[in-house]
Amino acid sequence: YRQLERDAQGDADQLELLNLAFKDQ
């Protein structure tokens, strides 16, 4: 998650980051 947060660029990366953050919920 932290690696993706550092590398996130566009909307697609931000969406992937959100999905990773909330996948357990």
PDB file of all heavy atoms in Angstrom:
ATOM      1  N   TYR A   1       0.830  -1.199   0.000  1.00  0.00           N
ATOM      2  CA  TYR A   1       0.000   0.000   0.000  1.00  0.00           C
ATOM      3  C   TYR A   1       0.869   1.256   0.000  1.00  0.00           C
ATOM      4  O   TYR A   1       0.627   2.198  -0.772  1.00  0.00           O
ATOM      5  CB  TYR A   1      -0.926  -0.009   1.210  1.00  0.00           C
ATOM      6  CG  TYR A   1      -1.437   1.356   1.612  1.00  0.00           C
ATOM      7  CD1 TYR A   1      -2.465   1.982   0.910  1.00  0.00           C
ATOM      8  CD2 TYR A   1      -0.865   2.038   2.688  1.00  0.00           C
ATOM      9  CE1 TYR A   1      -2.909   3.237   1.264  1.00  0.00           C
ATOM     10  CE2 TYR A   1      -1.309   3.296   3.054  1.00  0.00           C
ATOM     11  CZ  TYR A   1      -2.325   3.899   2.343  1.00  0.00           C
ATOM     12  OH  TYR A   1      -2.758   5.151   2.690  1.00  0.00           O
ATOM     13  N   ARG A   2       1.905   1.285   0.841  1.00  0.00           N
ATOM     14  CA  ARG A   2       2.773   2.457   0.938  1.00  0.00           C
ATOM     15  C   ARG A   2       3.524   2.706  -0.376  1.00  0.00           C
ATOM     16  O   ARG A   2       3.698   3.853  -0.799  1.00  0.00           O
ATOM     17  CB  ARG A   2       3.781   2.264   2.070  1.00  0.00           C
ATOM     18  CG  ARG A   2       3.151   2.266   3.458  1.00  0.00           C
ATOM     19  CD  ARG A   2       2.721   3.649   3.886  1.00  0.00           C
ATOM     20  NE  ARG A   2       3.869   4.516   4.084  1.00  0.00           N
ATOM     21  CZ  ARG A   2       3.806   5.842   4.165  1.00  0.00           C
ATOM     22  NH1 ARG A   2       2.628   6.436   4.043  1.00  0.00           N
ATOM     23  NH2 ARG A   2       4.893   6.570   4.356  1.00  0.00           N
ATOM     24  N   GLN A   3       3.957   1.625  -1.032  1.00  0.00           N
ATOM     25  CA  GLN A   3       4.658   1.755  -2.303  1.00  0.00           C
ATOM     26  C   GLN A   3       3.736   2.340  -3.368  1.00  0.00           C
ATOM     27  O   GLN A   3       4.117   3.239  -4.123  1.00  0.00           O
ATOM     28  CB  GLN A   3       5.178   0.391  -2.751  1.00  0.00           C
ATOM     29  CG  GLN A   3       6.005   0.410  -4.043  1.00  0.00           C
ATOM     30  CD  GLN A   3       7.297   1.202  -3.897  1.00  0.00           C
ATOM     31  OE1 GLN A   3       8.020   1.030  -2.916  1.00  0.00           O
ATOM     32  NE2 GLN A   3       7.588   2.071  -4.861  1.00  0.00           N
ATOM     33  N   LEU A   4       2.496   1.829  -3.400  1.00  0.00           N
ATOM     34  CA  LEU A   4       1.526   2.336  -4.366  1.00  0.00           C
ATOM     35  C   LEU A   4       1.190   3.790  -4.083  1.00  0.00           C
ATOM     36  O   LEU A   4       1.014   4.594  -5.003  1.00  0.00           O
ATOM     37  CB  LEU A   4       0.257   1.484  -4.328  1.00  0.00           C
ATOM     38  CG  LEU A   4      -0.843   1.818  -5.342  1.00  0.00           C
ATOM     39  CD1 LEU A   4      -0.314   1.700  -6.768  1.00  0.00           C
ATOM     40  CD2 LEU A   4      -2.044   0.905  -5.152  1.00  0.00           C
ATOM     41  N   GLU A   5       1.122   4.154  -2.810  1.00  0.00           N
ATOM     42  CA  GLU A   5       0.834   5.541  -2.422  1.00  0.00           C
ATOM     43  C   GLU A   5       1.929   6.481  -2.922  1.00  0.00           C
ATOM     44  O   GLU A   5       1.658   7.589  -3.394  1.00  0.00           O
ATOM     45  CB  GLU A   5       0.703   5.628  -0.907  1.00  0.00           C
ATOM     46  CG  GLU A   5       0.268   7.000  -0.401  1.00  0.00           C
ATOM     47  CD  GLU A   5       0.172   7.034   1.115  1.00  0.00           C
ATOM     48  OE1 GLU A   5       1.046   6.442   1.782  1.00  0.00           O
ATOM     49  OE2 GLU A   5      -0.774   7.651   1.623  1.00  0.00           O
ATOM     50  N   ARG A   6       3.187   6.027  -2.837  1.00  0.00           N
ATOM     51  CA  ARG A   6       4.316   6.856  -3.293  1.00  0.00           C
ATOM     52  C   ARG A   6       4.328   6.985  -4.815  1.00  0.00           C
ATOM     53  O   ARG A   6       4.680   8.036  -5.362  1.00  0.00           O
ATOM     54  CB  ARG A   6       5.640   6.266  -2.805  1.00  0.00           C
ATOM     55  CG  ARG A   6       5.897   6.450  -1.316  1.00  0.00           C
ATOM     56  CD  ARG A   6       7.326   6.092  -0.964  1.00  0.00           C
ATOM     57  NE  ARG A   6       7.603   4.666  -1.175  1.00  0.00           N
ATOM     58  CZ  ARG A   6       7.458   3.741  -0.223  1.00  0.00           C
ATOM     59  NH1 ARG A   6       7.054   4.100   0.984  1.00  0.00           N
ATOM     60  NH2 ARG A   6       7.723   2.483  -0.487  1.00  0.00           N
ATOM     61  N   ASP A   7       3.943   5.887  -5.513  1.00  0.00           N
ATOM     62  CA  ASP A   7       4.077   5.871  -6.971  1.00  0.00           C
ATOM     63  C   ASP A   7       2.829   6.332  -7.702  1.00  0.00           C
ATOM     64  O   ASP A   7       2.864   6.495  -8.927  1.00  0.00           O
ATOM     65  CB  ASP A   7       4.413   4.444  -7.437  1.00  0.00           C
ATOM     66  CG  ASP A   7       5.752   3.963  -6.886  1.00  0.00           C
ATOM     67  OD1 ASP A   7       6.555   4.818  -6.458  1.00  0.00           O
ATOM     68  OD2 ASP A   7       5.979   2.738  -6.884  1.00  0.00           O
ATOM     69  N   ALA A   8       1.724   6.506  -6.989  1.00  0.00           N
ATOM     70  CA  ALA A   8       0.451   6.832  -7.636  1.00  0.00           C
ATOM     71  C   ALA A   8       0.561   8.121  -8.444  1.00  0.00           C
ATOM     72  O   ALA A   8       1.029   9.148  -7.934  1.00  0.00           O
ATOM     73  CB  ALA A   8      -0.649   6.948  -6.596  1.00  0.00           C
ATOM     74  N   GLN A   9       0.123   8.056  -9.716  1.00  0.00           N
ATOM     75  CA  GLN A   9       0.191   9.212 -10.593  1.00  0.00           C
ATOM     76  C   GLN A   9      -1.201   9.697 -10.999  1.00  0.00           C
ATOM     77  O   GLN A   9      -1.668  10.715 -10.527  1.00  0.00           O
ATOM     78  CB  GLN A   9       1.009   8.854 -11.848  1.00  0.00           C
ATOM     79  CG  GLN A   9       2.449   8.460 -11.566  1.00  0.00           C
ATOM     80  CD  GLN A   9       3.297   9.622 -11.086  1.00  0.00           C
ATOM     81  OE1 GLN A   9       3.079  10.771 -11.505  1.00  0.00           O
ATOM     82  NE2 GLN A   9       4.263   9.353 -10.220  1.00  0.00           N
ATOM     83  N   GLY A  10      -1.861   8.958 -11.857  1.00  0.00           N
ATOM     84  CA  GLY A  10      -3.148   9.394 -12.384  1.00  0.00           C
ATOM     85  C   GLY A  10      -4.336   8.826 -11.623  1.00  0.00           C
ATOM     86  O   GLY A  10      -4.209   8.236 -10.537  1.00  0.00           O
ATOM     87  N   ASP A  11      -5.533   8.988 -12.215  1.00  0.00           N
ATOM     88  CA  ASP A  11      -6.781   8.539 -11.584  1.00  0.00           C
ATOM     89  C   ASP A  11      -6.813   7.030 -11.397  1.00  0.00           C
ATOM     90  O   ASP A  11      -7.337   6.533 -10.390  1.00  0.00           O
ATOM     91  CB  ASP A  11      -7.981   8.970 -12.432  1.00  0.00           C
ATOM     92  CG  ASP A  11      -8.182  10.480 -12.409  1.00  0.00           C
ATOM     93  OD1 ASP A  11      -7.611  11.140 -11.517  1.00  0.00           O
ATOM     94  OD2 ASP A  11      -8.898  10.991 -13.297  1.00  0.00           O
ATOM     95  N   ALA A  12      -6.270   6.292 -12.362  1.00  0.00           N
ATOM     96  CA  ALA A  12      -6.282   4.830 -12.268  1.00  0.00           C
ATOM     97  C   ALA A  12      -5.485   4.357 -11.060  1.00  0.00           C
ATOM     98  O   ALA A  12      -5.902   3.443 -10.339  1.00  0.00           O
ATOM     99  CB  ALA A  12      -5.731   4.214 -13.550  1.00  0.00           C
ATOM    100  N   ASP A  13      -4.344   4.989 -10.828  1.00  0.00           N
ATOM    101  CA  ASP A  13      -3.516   4.627  -9.669  1.00  0.00           C
ATOM    102  C   ASP A  13      -4.225   4.986  -8.370  1.00  0.00           C
ATOM    103  O   ASP A  13      -4.168   4.241  -7.389  1.00  0.00           O
ATOM    104  CB  ASP A  13      -2.160   5.343  -9.732  1.00  0.00           C
ATOM    105  CG  ASP A  13      -1.242   4.755 -10.796  1.00  0.00           C
ATOM    106  OD1 ASP A  13      -1.543   3.634 -11.262  1.00  0.00           O
ATOM    107  OD2 ASP A  13      -0.253   5.414 -11.148  1.00  0.00           O
ATOM    108  N   GLN A  14      -4.882   6.141  -8.356  1.00  0.00           N
ATOM    109  CA  GLN A  14      -5.602   6.558  -7.151  1.00  0.00           C
ATOM    110  C   GLN A  14      -6.759   5.611  -6.846  1.00  0.00           C
ATOM    111  O   GLN A  14      -7.026   5.293  -5.681  1.00  0.00           O
ATOM    112  CB  GLN A  14      -6.129   7.989  -7.322  1.00  0.00           C
ATOM    113  CG  GLN A  14      -5.055   9.066  -7.346  1.00  0.00           C
ATOM    114  CD  GLN A  14      -4.298   9.170  -6.023  1.00  0.00           C
ATOM    115  OE1 GLN A  14      -4.833   8.843  -4.956  1.00  0.00           O
ATOM    116  NE2 GLN A  14      -3.037   9.612  -6.098  1.00  0.00           N
ATOM    117  N   LEU A  15      -7.438   5.138  -7.902  1.00  0.00           N
ATOM    118  CA  LEU A  15      -8.533   4.188  -7.715  1.00  0.00           C
ATOM    119  C   LEU A  15      -7.999   2.868  -7.169  1.00  0.00           C
ATOM    120  O   LEU A  15      -8.596   2.274  -6.258  1.00  0.00           O
ATOM    121  CB  LEU A  15      -9.257   3.959  -9.044  1.00  0.00           C
ATOM    122  CG  LEU A  15     -10.441   2.987  -9.007  1.00  0.00           C
ATOM    123  CD1 LEU A  15     -11.507   3.484  -8.045  1.00  0.00           C
ATOM    124  CD2 LEU A  15     -11.025   2.794 -10.397  1.00  0.00           C
ATOM    125  N   GLU A  16      -6.870   2.404  -7.693  1.00  0.00           N
ATOM    126  CA  GLU A  16      -6.262   1.172  -7.198  1.00  0.00           C
ATOM    127  C   GLU A  16      -5.851   1.327  -5.739  1.00  0.00           C
ATOM    128  O   GLU A  16      -5.990   0.400  -4.933  1.00  0.00           O
ATOM    129  CB  GLU A  16      -5.056   0.806  -8.058  1.00  0.00           C
ATOM    130  CG  GLU A  16      -4.438  -0.535  -7.679  1.00  0.00           C
ATOM    131  CD  GLU A  16      -3.245  -0.905  -8.545  1.00  0.00           C
ATOM    132  OE1 GLU A  16      -2.965  -0.178  -9.518  1.00  0.00           O
ATOM    133  OE2 GLU A  16      -2.598  -1.925  -8.231  1.00  0.00           O
ATOM    134  N   LEU A  17      -5.370   2.515  -5.395  1.00  0.00           N
ATOM    135  CA  LEU A  17      -4.969   2.789  -4.019  1.00  0.00           C
ATOM    136  C   LEU A  17      -6.177   2.725  -3.085  1.00  0.00           C
ATOM    137  O   LEU A  17      -6.103   2.143  -1.986  1.00  0.00           O
ATOM    138  CB  LEU A  17      -4.301   4.169  -3.943  1.00  0.00           C
ATOM    139  CG  LEU A  17      -3.684   4.579  -2.602  1.00  0.00           C
ATOM    140  CD1 LEU A  17      -2.541   3.646  -2.227  1.00  0.00           C
ATOM    141  CD2 LEU A  17      -3.175   6.022  -2.675  1.00  0.00           C
ATOM    142  N   LEU A  18      -7.292   3.311  -3.509  1.00  0.00           N
ATOM    143  CA  LEU A  18      -8.514   3.272  -2.712  1.00  0.00           C
ATOM    144  C   LEU A  18      -9.015   1.839  -2.529  1.00  0.00           C
ATOM    145  O   LEU A  18      -9.424   1.430  -1.434  1.00  0.00           O
ATOM    146  CB  LEU A  18      -9.607   4.121  -3.358  1.00  0.00           C
ATOM    147  CG  LEU A  18      -9.599   5.618  -3.055  1.00  0.00           C
ATOM    148  CD1 LEU A  18     -10.665   6.314  -3.884  1.00  0.00           C
ATOM    149  CD2 LEU A  18      -9.828   5.884  -1.576  1.00  0.00           C
ATOM    150  N   ASN A  19      -8.989   1.079  -3.610  1.00  0.00           N
ATOM    151  CA  ASN A  19      -9.446  -0.310  -3.527  1.00  0.00           C
ATOM    152  C   ASN A  19      -8.575  -1.128  -2.586  1.00  0.00           C
ATOM    153  O   ASN A  19      -9.076  -1.986  -1.853  1.00  0.00           O
ATOM    154  CB  ASN A  19      -9.456  -0.944  -4.922  1.00  0.00           C
ATOM    155  CG  ASN A  19     -10.573  -0.395  -5.795  1.00  0.00           C
ATOM    156  OD1 ASN A  19     -11.574   0.120  -5.287  1.00  0.00           O
ATOM    157  ND2 ASN A  19     -10.412  -0.491  -7.110  1.00  0.00           N
ATOM    158  N   LEU A  20      -7.266  -0.869  -2.595  1.00  0.00           N
ATOM    159  CA  LEU A  20      -6.367  -1.567  -1.685  1.00  0.00           C
ATOM    160  C   LEU A  20      -6.626  -1.143  -0.241  1.00  0.00           C
ATOM    161  O   LEU A  20      -6.614  -1.973   0.676  1.00  0.00           O
ATOM    162  CB  LEU A  20      -4.912  -1.272  -2.067  1.00  0.00           C
ATOM    163  CG  LEU A  20      -3.824  -2.016  -1.278  1.00  0.00           C
ATOM    164  CD1 LEU A  20      -4.004  -3.521  -1.415  1.00  0.00           C
ATOM    165  CD2 LEU A  20      -2.435  -1.607  -1.751  1.00  0.00           C
ATOM    166  N   ALA A  21      -6.898   0.147  -0.037  1.00  0.00           N
ATOM    167  CA  ALA A  21      -7.135   0.660   1.316  1.00  0.00           C
ATOM    168  C   ALA A  21      -8.423   0.103   1.914  1.00  0.00           C
ATOM    169  O   ALA A  21      -8.515  -0.115   3.128  1.00  0.00           O
ATOM    170  CB  ALA A  21      -7.187   2.189   1.290  1.00  0.00           C
ATOM    171  N   PHE A  22      -9.429  -0.149   1.062  1.00  0.00           N
ATOM    172  CA  PHE A  22     -10.742  -0.543   1.577  1.00  0.00           C
ATOM    173  C   PHE A  22     -11.124  -1.990   1.268  1.00  0.00           C
ATOM    174  O   PHE A  22     -12.257  -2.393   1.545  1.00  0.00           O
ATOM    175  CB  PHE A  22     -11.824   0.391   1.011  1.00  0.00           C
ATOM    176  CG  PHE A  22     -11.842   1.753   1.646  1.00  0.00           C
ATOM    177  CD1 PHE A  22     -11.233   2.824   1.021  1.00  0.00           C
ATOM    178  CD2 PHE A  22     -12.448   1.951   2.876  1.00  0.00           C
ATOM    179  CE1 PHE A  22     -11.235   4.081   1.610  1.00  0.00           C
ATOM    180  CE2 PHE A  22     -12.466   3.196   3.469  1.00  0.00           C
ATOM    181  CZ  PHE A  22     -11.853   4.272   2.832  1.00  0.00           C
ATOM    182  N   LYS A  23     -10.201  -2.764   0.712  1.00  0.00           N
ATOM    183  CA  LYS A  23     -10.593  -4.112   0.300  1.00  0.00           C
ATOM    184  C   LYS A  23     -11.008  -4.974   1.488  1.00  0.00           C
ATOM    185  O   LYS A  23     -11.901  -5.822   1.362  1.00  0.00           O
ATOM    186  CB  LYS A  23      -9.466  -4.790  -0.485  1.00  0.00           C
ATOM    187  CG  LYS A  23      -8.236  -5.174   0.317  1.00  0.00           C
ATOM    188  CD  LYS A  23      -7.246  -5.947  -0.555  1.00  0.00           C
ATOM    189  CE  LYS A  23      -6.042  -6.409   0.261  1.00  0.00           C
ATOM    190  NZ  LYS A  23      -5.088  -7.198  -0.566  1.00  0.00           N
ATOM    191  N   ASP A  24     -10.395  -4.770   2.658  1.00  0.00           N
ATOM    192  CA  ASP A  24     -10.784  -5.560   3.829  1.00  0.00           C
ATOM    193  C   ASP A  24     -12.164  -5.166   4.327  1.00  0.00           C
ATOM    194  O   ASP A  24     -12.950  -6.017   4.760  1.00  0.00           O
ATOM    195  CB  ASP A  24      -9.751  -5.406   4.943  1.00  0.00           C
ATOM    196  CG  ASP A  24      -8.465  -6.151   4.650  1.00  0.00           C
ATOM    197  OD1 ASP A  24      -8.454  -6.941   3.677  1.00  0.00           O
ATOM    198  OD2 ASP A  24      -7.472  -5.949   5.359  1.00  0.00           O
ATOM    199  N   GLN A  25     -12.492  -3.867   4.260  1.00  0.00           N
ATOM    200  CA  GLN A  25     -13.837  -3.435   4.641  1.00  0.00           C
ATOM    201  C   GLN A  25     -14.866  -4.021   3.677  1.00  0.00           C
ATOM    202  O   GLN A  25     -15.918  -4.502   4.112  1.00  0.00           O
ATOM    203  CB  GLN A  25     -13.937  -1.910   4.636  1.00  0.00           C
ATOM    204  CG  GLN A  25     -15.362  -1.418   4.935  1.00  0.00           C
ATOM    205  CD  GLN A  25     -15.488   0.093   4.970  1.00  0.00           C
ATOM    206  OE1 GLN A  25     -14.734   0.760   5.658  1.00  0.00           O
ATOM    207  NE2 GLN A  25     -16.434   0.641   4.213  1.00  0.00           N
TER     208      GLN A  25
END
